[in-house]
Amino acid sequence: PNGAGKSTSMKVITGYYPPTAGSVTIDGLSVVDDSIKTREKIGYLPESNPLYMDLTVYEYLSMIAELRQIPSSERKPRIKKMCEITGITDRLGQVIGQLSKGYKQRVGLAQAMLHEPEILILDEPTIGLDPNQIVEIRSLIKQIGKERTVILSTHILPEVQATCDRVIIINRGKLVADGTPEQLQRKFEGQPIIDLQLKGEGVKDSAAFKSIAGIERVKERGNPATGVASLRLEIKKGSDPREEIFNLAVKNNWVLLEMSREIQSLENIFHQLTQTDPSAAKESVA
């Protein structure tokens, strides 16, 4: 949530802020004691994306290449490569201030990757973009992530689901969850639910469903039509009886109109963890 310490943590990792406690190491090197060496390993796109609006894209990236001390003979091919990766080759001669928000983010990504860092740190990279631009930047980040480590900060939980292999949730400066999206969904799932809609004779016979291992309770969700049953099955944790339910439907000549399993969303997990005291949440995930 806002104020949890995400941007501050990233600024400490990049060496922009010195830590007041604790330590950060990049590939075994301290960001305080080996500041220059660790910065060489990091590409950083801050939330503000500080670009020089009066420069063309090429002029700006040339300046960054010089600041990054990329050898002069390598600068043009490196700029060309990063522009191809970020999809801005046809904008090289354009003044940055005339670009759309989406293209400015692409220029920021090209800047962050120009020295080919091992780690790319992106602070809210899709903030302020329209839906089409968000999809484009997400796809680009996922592609970049195949070749280097990407640390991404965002409030947008579907973005996490779409791009990230590992999720860390911070609340009031404390780590409250750490794992893959799937691990967090399993860990914090409530009562597993399967919703069914069946058509045929005897579809409301709850005893037939209760005979299947893992089904603890059967509830009706209303009667949508004659001969159709809409059921909600409460499932024992760790069980997945969907195959047995399908076989039961086949055996009884029922038409299976719907079968869906309710999965805990990252939004619900986030809300659950950030509405509690961080120390209590930490105990729950330990």
Protein backbone atom coordinates (compact mmCIF):
# COMPACT_ATOMS: atom_id res chain seq x y z
CA PRO A 1 0.00 0.00 0.00
CA ASN A 2 0.97 3.67 -0.25
CA GLY A 3 3.66 4.55 2.27
CA ALA A 4 4.75 0.95 2.85
CA GLY A 5 8.34 1.65 1.77
CA LYS A 6 8.50 0.27 -1.79
CA SER A 7 10.10 3.27 -3.49
CA THR A 8 12.39 3.91 -0.51
CA SER A 9 13.58 0.29 -0.64
CA MET A 10 14.33 0.63 -4.34
CA LYS A 11 16.24 3.86 -3.80
CA VAL A 12 18.35 2.15 -1.13
CA ILE A 13 19.01 -0.82 -3.46
CA THR A 14 20.14 1.51 -6.25
CA GLY A 15 22.39 3.55 -3.95
CA TYR A 16 20.25 6.68 -4.33
CA TYR A 17 19.51 6.66 -0.58
CA PRO A 18 22.03 5.39 2.00
CA PRO A 19 20.51 2.85 4.41
CA THR A 20 20.06 4.03 8.01
CA ALA A 21 20.03 0.39 9.17
CA GLY A 22 20.63 -3.03 7.68
CA SER A 23 22.53 -3.68 4.48
CA VAL A 24 22.03 -4.36 0.78
CA THR A 25 24.38 -6.42 -1.36
CA ILE A 26 24.32 -6.83 -5.13
CA ASP A 27 26.12 -9.96 -6.29
CA GLY A 28 28.00 -9.97 -2.97
CA LEU A 29 28.97 -6.28 -3.18
CA SER A 30 27.75 -3.68 -0.67
CA VAL A 31 25.77 -0.78 -2.13
CA VAL A 32 27.51 1.48 0.42
CA ASP A 33 31.11 0.23 0.30
CA ASP A 34 31.11 -0.65 -3.42
CA SER A 35 28.67 1.96 -4.67
CA ILE A 36 30.13 2.47 -8.17
CA LYS A 37 30.51 -1.26 -8.85
CA THR A 38 26.95 -2.05 -7.73
CA ARG A 39 25.51 0.82 -9.79
CA GLU A 40 27.24 -0.63 -12.85
CA LYS A 41 25.19 -3.80 -12.35
CA ILE A 42 21.87 -1.96 -12.03
CA GLY A 43 19.51 -0.28 -14.48
CA TYR A 44 16.96 2.00 -12.82
CA LEU A 45 13.70 3.51 -14.05
CA PRO A 46 12.25 5.63 -11.21
CA GLU A 47 8.56 6.44 -10.99
CA SER A 48 9.19 10.04 -12.10
CA ASN A 49 11.13 8.92 -15.24
CA PRO A 50 13.38 12.04 -15.37
CA LEU A 51 13.89 12.68 -19.09
CA TYR A 52 15.36 15.71 -20.86
CA MET A 53 12.31 16.92 -22.77
CA ASP A 54 14.21 19.28 -25.12
CA LEU A 55 16.55 16.58 -26.42
CA THR A 56 15.78 14.11 -29.18
CA VAL A 57 15.67 10.44 -28.22
CA TYR A 58 19.05 9.88 -29.86
CA GLU A 59 20.67 12.89 -28.16
CA TYR A 60 19.37 11.76 -24.78
CA LEU A 61 20.54 8.15 -25.16
CA SER A 62 23.93 9.37 -26.44
CA MET A 63 24.29 11.48 -23.30
CA ILE A 64 23.37 8.48 -21.11
CA ALA A 65 25.90 6.31 -22.96
CA GLU A 66 28.60 8.88 -22.23
CA LEU A 67 27.59 9.13 -18.55
CA ARG A 68 27.68 5.34 -18.32
CA GLN A 69 31.19 5.41 -19.81
CA ILE A 70 30.29 3.10 -22.66
CA PRO A 71 33.23 3.13 -25.11
CA SER A 72 32.57 5.55 -27.96
CA SER A 73 32.95 2.80 -30.58
CA GLU A 74 30.11 0.82 -28.93
CA ARG A 75 27.63 3.64 -28.35
CA LYS A 76 25.83 3.71 -31.70
CA PRO A 77 25.35 -0.09 -31.93
CA ARG A 78 24.27 -0.21 -28.27
CA ILE A 79 21.70 2.58 -28.77
CA LYS A 80 20.42 0.82 -31.89
CA LYS A 81 20.06 -2.47 -30.02
CA MET A 82 18.15 -0.98 -27.07
CA CYS A 83 15.89 1.01 -29.36
CA GLU A 84 15.02 -2.19 -31.22
CA ILE A 85 14.27 -3.98 -27.94
CA THR A 86 12.04 -1.18 -26.67
CA GLY A 87 10.41 -0.43 -30.03
CA ILE A 88 11.52 3.22 -30.42
CA THR A 89 13.80 2.97 -33.48
CA ASP A 90 11.41 5.14 -35.51
CA ARG A 91 11.42 7.83 -32.78
CA LEU A 92 15.19 8.44 -32.57
CA GLY A 93 15.01 11.87 -34.20
CA GLN A 94 11.93 13.01 -32.31
CA VAL A 95 12.06 15.45 -29.39
CA ILE A 96 11.23 13.58 -26.18
CA GLY A 97 8.73 16.23 -25.05
CA GLN A 98 6.61 15.48 -28.13
CA LEU A 99 6.32 11.76 -27.35
CA SER A 100 3.29 10.07 -25.80
CA LYS A 101 3.49 8.84 -22.20
CA GLY A 102 3.91 5.26 -23.45
CA TYR A 103 6.86 6.15 -25.67
CA LYS A 104 8.46 8.17 -22.88
CA GLN A 105 8.34 5.04 -20.72
CA ARG A 106 10.00 3.11 -23.53
CA VAL A 107 12.76 5.73 -23.70
CA GLY A 108 13.17 5.38 -19.92
CA LEU A 109 13.51 1.61 -20.29
CA ALA A 110 16.08 2.03 -23.08
CA GLN A 111 18.05 4.37 -20.79
CA ALA A 112 17.93 1.88 -17.93
CA MET A 113 19.19 -0.98 -20.12
CA LEU A 114 21.75 0.91 -22.20
CA HIS A 115 24.76 -0.36 -20.23
CA GLU A 116 23.32 -3.92 -20.30
CA PRO A 117 22.89 -4.30 -16.52
CA GLU A 118 22.30 -7.63 -14.81
CA ILE A 119 19.47 -6.16 -12.72
CA LEU A 120 16.68 -3.86 -13.88
CA ILE A 121 14.72 -1.96 -11.20
CA LEU A 122 11.40 -0.46 -12.30
CA ASP A 123 9.32 1.69 -9.94
CA GLU A 124 5.66 1.77 -11.07
CA PRO A 125 6.56 1.52 -14.78
CA THR A 126 2.96 1.55 -16.07
CA ILE A 127 1.57 4.37 -13.94
CA GLY A 128 -0.40 6.89 -16.00
CA LEU A 129 -0.50 4.75 -19.16
CA ASP A 130 -3.67 3.96 -21.10
CA PRO A 131 -4.86 0.29 -21.30
CA ASN A 132 -3.15 -0.37 -24.64
CA GLN A 133 0.14 1.12 -23.46
CA ILE A 134 -0.04 -0.92 -20.24
CA VAL A 135 -0.35 -4.15 -22.22
CA GLU A 136 2.59 -3.14 -24.44
CA ILE A 137 4.88 -2.23 -21.51
CA ARG A 138 3.91 -5.38 -19.58
CA SER A 139 4.77 -7.51 -22.59
CA LEU A 140 8.08 -5.68 -23.00
CA ILE A 141 8.98 -6.16 -19.31
CA LYS A 142 8.17 -9.86 -19.50
CA GLN A 143 10.40 -10.21 -22.56
CA ILE A 144 13.24 -8.33 -20.83
CA GLY A 145 12.81 -10.59 -17.79
CA LYS A 146 13.87 -13.62 -19.82
CA GLU A 147 17.43 -12.25 -20.02
CA ARG A 148 17.95 -10.35 -16.75
CA THR A 149 16.55 -9.97 -13.26
CA VAL A 150 13.71 -7.44 -13.11
CA ILE A 151 12.50 -5.98 -9.81
CA LEU A 152 9.12 -4.35 -10.34
CA SER A 153 7.08 -2.16 -7.99
CA THR A 154 3.36 -1.76 -8.64
CA HIS A 155 -0.04 -1.34 -7.00
CA ILE A 156 -1.74 -3.12 -9.91
CA LEU A 157 -2.22 -6.73 -8.84
CA PRO A 158 -3.21 -8.10 -12.30
CA GLU A 159 0.14 -6.67 -13.47
CA VAL A 160 1.90 -8.80 -10.87
CA GLN A 161 -0.07 -11.85 -12.04
CA ALA A 162 0.81 -11.13 -15.68
CA THR A 163 4.54 -10.39 -15.34
CA CYS A 164 6.05 -11.68 -12.09
CA ASP A 165 7.54 -15.04 -11.05
CA ARG A 166 7.89 -13.99 -7.40
CA VAL A 167 5.78 -11.67 -5.27
CA ILE A 168 6.84 -9.71 -2.18
CA ILE A 169 4.18 -7.78 -0.24
CA ILE A 170 5.34 -5.02 2.12
CA ASN A 171 3.11 -3.44 4.77
CA ARG A 172 4.31 -0.53 6.95
CA GLY A 173 7.93 -1.30 6.16
CA LYS A 174 7.62 -4.99 7.04
CA LEU A 175 7.77 -8.03 4.74
CA VAL A 176 4.42 -9.82 5.11
CA ALA A 177 4.46 -12.27 2.18
CA ASP A 178 7.01 -13.76 -0.20
CA GLY A 179 6.40 -16.47 -2.83
CA THR A 180 5.13 -17.20 -6.32
CA PRO A 181 1.58 -16.01 -7.11
CA GLU A 182 0.45 -19.66 -7.04
CA GLN A 183 2.08 -20.31 -3.66
CA LEU A 184 0.39 -17.26 -2.13
CA GLN A 185 -2.98 -18.25 -3.59
CA ARG A 186 -2.68 -21.73 -2.08
CA LYS A 187 -1.40 -20.47 1.28
CA PHE A 188 -4.16 -17.93 1.81
CA GLU A 189 -7.07 -19.70 0.17
CA GLY A 190 -10.21 -19.96 2.27
CA GLN A 191 -12.80 -22.71 1.88
CA PRO A 192 -12.28 -24.14 -1.64
CA ILE A 193 -15.46 -23.84 -3.71
CA ILE A 194 -16.64 -25.48 -6.94
CA ASP A 195 -19.72 -24.04 -8.68
CA LEU A 196 -21.77 -26.40 -10.84
CA GLN A 197 -24.70 -26.12 -13.20
CA LEU A 198 -26.18 -29.41 -14.34
CA LYS A 199 -29.18 -30.49 -16.36
CA GLY A 200 -30.90 -33.84 -16.11
CA GLU A 201 -32.91 -36.15 -13.90
CA GLY A 202 -31.76 -36.36 -10.28
CA VAL A 203 -29.22 -33.54 -10.52
CA LYS A 204 -30.32 -32.16 -7.14
CA ASP A 205 -29.45 -35.38 -5.33
CA SER A 206 -26.80 -34.04 -2.94
CA ALA A 207 -26.07 -37.54 -1.62
CA ALA A 208 -24.55 -38.46 -4.99
CA PHE A 209 -22.04 -35.62 -4.66
CA LYS A 210 -21.29 -36.25 -1.00
CA SER A 211 -20.19 -39.77 -1.91
CA ILE A 212 -17.20 -38.21 -3.70
CA ALA A 213 -14.13 -37.87 -1.48
CA GLY A 214 -13.23 -34.26 -0.75
CA ILE A 215 -16.76 -32.79 -1.02
CA GLU A 216 -17.84 -31.59 2.42
CA ARG A 217 -21.08 -29.74 1.70
CA VAL A 218 -23.54 -29.16 -1.15
CA LYS A 219 -25.65 -25.99 -1.42
CA GLU A 220 -28.20 -24.90 -4.01
CA ARG A 221 -27.61 -21.49 -5.64
CA GLY A 222 -31.21 -21.15 -6.80
CA ASN A 223 -33.23 -22.81 -9.55
CA PRO A 224 -32.34 -21.14 -12.88
CA ALA A 225 -34.66 -23.36 -14.97
CA THR A 226 -36.73 -26.53 -14.79
CA GLY A 227 -34.52 -29.59 -14.77
CA VAL A 228 -31.40 -27.49 -14.14
CA ALA A 229 -29.54 -27.45 -10.81
CA SER A 230 -27.15 -24.71 -9.80
CA LEU A 231 -24.96 -26.03 -6.97
CA ARG A 232 -22.10 -24.78 -4.82
CA LEU A 233 -19.79 -27.48 -3.45
CA GLU A 234 -17.57 -26.80 -0.45
CA ILE A 235 -14.35 -28.78 -0.88
CA LYS A 236 -11.83 -30.07 1.63
CA LYS A 237 -8.54 -28.16 1.47
CA GLY A 238 -5.99 -29.91 -0.75
CA SER A 239 -8.70 -31.80 -2.69
CA ASP A 240 -9.70 -31.35 -6.33
CA PRO A 241 -12.62 -33.65 -7.16
CA ARG A 242 -13.47 -32.09 -10.53
CA GLU A 243 -12.60 -35.25 -12.46
CA GLU A 244 -14.85 -37.37 -10.19
CA ILE A 245 -17.66 -34.81 -10.60
CA PHE A 246 -17.33 -35.04 -14.39
CA ASN A 247 -17.40 -38.86 -14.24
CA LEU A 248 -20.52 -38.71 -12.01
CA ALA A 249 -22.25 -36.49 -14.57
CA VAL A 250 -21.36 -38.89 -17.40
CA LYS A 251 -22.54 -41.90 -15.37
CA ASN A 252 -25.95 -40.29 -14.71
CA ASN A 253 -26.38 -38.83 -18.20
CA TRP A 254 -26.35 -35.27 -16.83
CA VAL A 255 -25.47 -32.35 -19.07
CA LEU A 256 -22.65 -30.38 -17.44
CA LEU A 257 -23.37 -26.73 -18.24
CA GLU A 258 -20.82 -25.17 -15.88
CA MET A 259 -17.99 -26.20 -13.55
CA SER A 260 -15.70 -23.54 -12.12
CA ARG A 261 -13.34 -23.50 -9.15
CA GLU A 262 -13.05 -20.35 -7.06
CA ILE A 263 -9.43 -19.25 -6.62
CA GLN A 264 -8.21 -16.68 -4.10
CA SER A 265 -7.16 -13.57 -6.04
CA LEU A 266 -3.99 -11.59 -5.33
CA GLU A 267 -6.23 -8.59 -4.65
CA ASN A 268 -7.95 -10.46 -1.81
CA ILE A 269 -4.62 -11.68 -0.42
CA PHE A 270 -3.20 -8.14 -0.58
CA HIS A 271 -6.23 -6.75 1.24
CA GLN A 272 -6.06 -9.49 3.87
CA LEU A 273 -2.36 -8.88 4.58
CA THR A 274 -2.36 -5.08 4.52
CA GLN A 275 -5.41 -4.60 6.75
CA THR A 276 -3.70 -6.33 9.68
CA ASP A 277 -0.77 -5.58 11.96
CA PRO A 278 2.46 -6.45 10.06
CA SER A 279 3.88 -8.54 12.92
CA ALA A 280 0.72 -10.65 13.06
CA ALA A 281 0.74 -11.08 9.27
CA LYS A 282 4.40 -12.12 9.43
CA GLU A 283 3.52 -14.87 11.90
CA SER A 284 0.77 -16.11 9.60
CA VAL A 285 3.16 -16.65 6.67
CA ALA A 286 6.13 -17.99 8.68
